[in-house]
């Protein structure tokens, strides 16, 4: 699962807009907005990898911690 708060912080700390990120990773702005806002809980592994690469972070940076998953 995606930790939307972590992902939102990573995206806001980047110098890229959602539109730029979407174009870079091949995902529509709408889809990326849904992912970042938590409206879409999961994404394809390839999308997650591409997003992490575009943001310059490890893919595990926006995964939920095991403690979060147990709640």
C-alpha atoms as a PDB file:
ATOM      1  CA  UNK A   1       0.000   0.000   0.000  1.00  0.00           C
ATOM      2  CA  UNK A   2       1.007   3.575  -0.592  1.00  0.00           C
ATOM      3  CA  UNK A   3       1.528   5.976   2.263  1.00  0.00           C
ATOM      4  CA  UNK A   4      -0.151   9.014   0.739  1.00  0.00           C
ATOM      5  CA  UNK A   5       1.287  11.441   3.324  1.00  0.00           C
ATOM      6  CA  UNK A   6       4.847  10.338   2.583  1.00  0.00           C
ATOM      7  CA  UNK A   7       4.206  10.445  -1.152  1.00  0.00           C
ATOM      8  CA  UNK A   8       2.645  13.910  -0.932  1.00  0.00           C
ATOM      9  CA  UNK A   9       5.698  15.204   0.961  1.00  0.00           C
ATOM     10  CA  UNK A  10       8.101  13.685  -1.545  1.00  0.00           C
ATOM     11  CA  UNK A  11       6.200  15.160  -4.483  1.00  0.00           C
ATOM     12  CA  UNK A  12       5.901  18.596  -2.858  1.00  0.00           C
ATOM     13  CA  UNK A  13       9.630  18.570  -2.034  1.00  0.00           C
ATOM     14  CA  UNK A  14      10.457  17.841  -5.670  1.00  0.00           C
ATOM     15  CA  UNK A  15      10.797  20.614  -8.206  1.00  0.00           C
ATOM     16  CA  UNK A  16       8.313  18.892 -10.530  1.00  0.00           C
ATOM     17  CA  UNK A  17       4.588  19.410 -10.963  1.00  0.00           C
ATOM     18  CA  UNK A  18       2.202  16.475 -11.161  1.00  0.00           C
ATOM     19  CA  UNK A  19       1.774  17.279 -14.829  1.00  0.00           C
ATOM     20  CA  UNK A  20       5.554  17.081 -15.412  1.00  0.00           C
ATOM     21  CA  UNK A  21       5.840  13.864 -13.417  1.00  0.00           C
ATOM     22  CA  UNK A  22       2.928  12.305 -15.266  1.00  0.00           C
ATOM     23  CA  UNK A  23       4.469  13.066 -18.635  1.00  0.00           C
ATOM     24  CA  UNK A  24       7.855  11.798 -17.488  1.00  0.00           C
ATOM     25  CA  UNK A  25       6.533   8.458 -16.265  1.00  0.00           C
ATOM     26  CA  UNK A  26       3.805   7.983 -18.869  1.00  0.00           C
ATOM     27  CA  UNK A  27       0.787   8.346 -16.595  1.00  0.00           C
ATOM     28  CA  UNK A  28      -2.051  10.824 -17.011  1.00  0.00           C
ATOM     29  CA  UNK A  29      -2.256  13.826 -14.713  1.00  0.00           C
ATOM     30  CA  UNK A  30      -5.607  12.529 -13.456  1.00  0.00           C
ATOM     31  CA  UNK A  31      -4.221   9.120 -12.547  1.00  0.00           C
ATOM     32  CA  UNK A  32      -1.196  10.596 -10.817  1.00  0.00           C
ATOM     33  CA  UNK A  33      -3.404  13.003  -8.868  1.00  0.00           C
ATOM     34  CA  UNK A  34      -5.576  10.087  -7.732  1.00  0.00           C
ATOM     35  CA  UNK A  35      -2.472   8.173  -6.598  1.00  0.00           C
ATOM     36  CA  UNK A  36      -0.966  11.122  -4.709  1.00  0.00           C
ATOM     37  CA  UNK A  37      -4.284  12.061  -3.064  1.00  0.00           C
ATOM     38  CA  UNK A  38      -4.896   8.470  -1.977  1.00  0.00           C
ATOM     39  CA  UNK A  39      -8.024   8.054  -4.106  1.00  0.00           C
ATOM     40  CA  UNK A  40      -6.265   5.167  -5.847  1.00  0.00           C
ATOM     41  CA  UNK A  41      -4.709   2.926  -3.217  1.00  0.00           C
ATOM     42  CA  UNK A  42      -2.486   0.842  -5.463  1.00  0.00           C
ATOM     43  CA  UNK A  43      -0.514   1.326  -8.642  1.00  0.00           C
ATOM     44  CA  UNK A  44       1.298  -0.952 -11.022  1.00  0.00           C
ATOM     45  CA  UNK A  45       4.795  -1.887  -9.918  1.00  0.00           C
ATOM     46  CA  UNK A  46       6.256  -0.360 -13.069  1.00  0.00           C
ATOM     47  CA  UNK A  47       4.473   2.932 -12.324  1.00  0.00           C
ATOM     48  CA  UNK A  48       5.800   2.910  -8.763  1.00  0.00           C
ATOM     49  CA  UNK A  49       9.340   2.260 -10.019  1.00  0.00           C
ATOM     50  CA  UNK A  50       9.078   4.990 -12.637  1.00  0.00           C
ATOM     51  CA  UNK A  51       7.661   7.450 -10.112  1.00  0.00           C
ATOM     52  CA  UNK A  52      10.419   6.710  -7.605  1.00  0.00           C
ATOM     53  CA  UNK A  53      13.044   7.161 -10.330  1.00  0.00           C
ATOM     54  CA  UNK A  54      11.497  10.439 -11.488  1.00  0.00           C
ATOM     55  CA  UNK A  55      11.468  11.709  -7.894  1.00  0.00           C
ATOM     56  CA  UNK A  56      14.991  10.466  -7.221  1.00  0.00           C
ATOM     57  CA  UNK A  57      13.989   8.299  -4.260  1.00  0.00           C
ATOM     58  CA  UNK A  58      13.947   4.625  -3.367  1.00  0.00           C
ATOM     59  CA  UNK A  59      10.611   2.980  -4.115  1.00  0.00           C
ATOM     60  CA  UNK A  60      10.293   2.034  -0.448  1.00  0.00           C
ATOM     61  CA  UNK A  61      10.095   5.722   0.500  1.00  0.00           C
ATOM     62  CA  UNK A  62       6.372   5.872  -0.217  1.00  0.00           C
ATOM     63  CA  UNK A  63       5.347   2.432   0.988  1.00  0.00           C
ATOM     64  CA  UNK A  64       3.389   2.159   4.213  1.00  0.00           C
ATOM     65  CA  UNK A  65       5.375   0.982   7.204  1.00  0.00           C
ATOM     66  CA  UNK A  66       4.445  -2.392   8.641  1.00  0.00           C
ATOM     67  CA  UNK A  67       3.130  -0.576  11.722  1.00  0.00           C
ATOM     68  CA  UNK A  68       0.819   1.516   9.514  1.00  0.00           C
ATOM     69  CA  UNK A  69      -0.491  -1.572   7.721  1.00  0.00           C
ATOM     70  CA  UNK A  70      -1.563  -3.269  10.959  1.00  0.00           C
ATOM     71  CA  UNK A  71      -3.954  -0.414  11.866  1.00  0.00           C
END
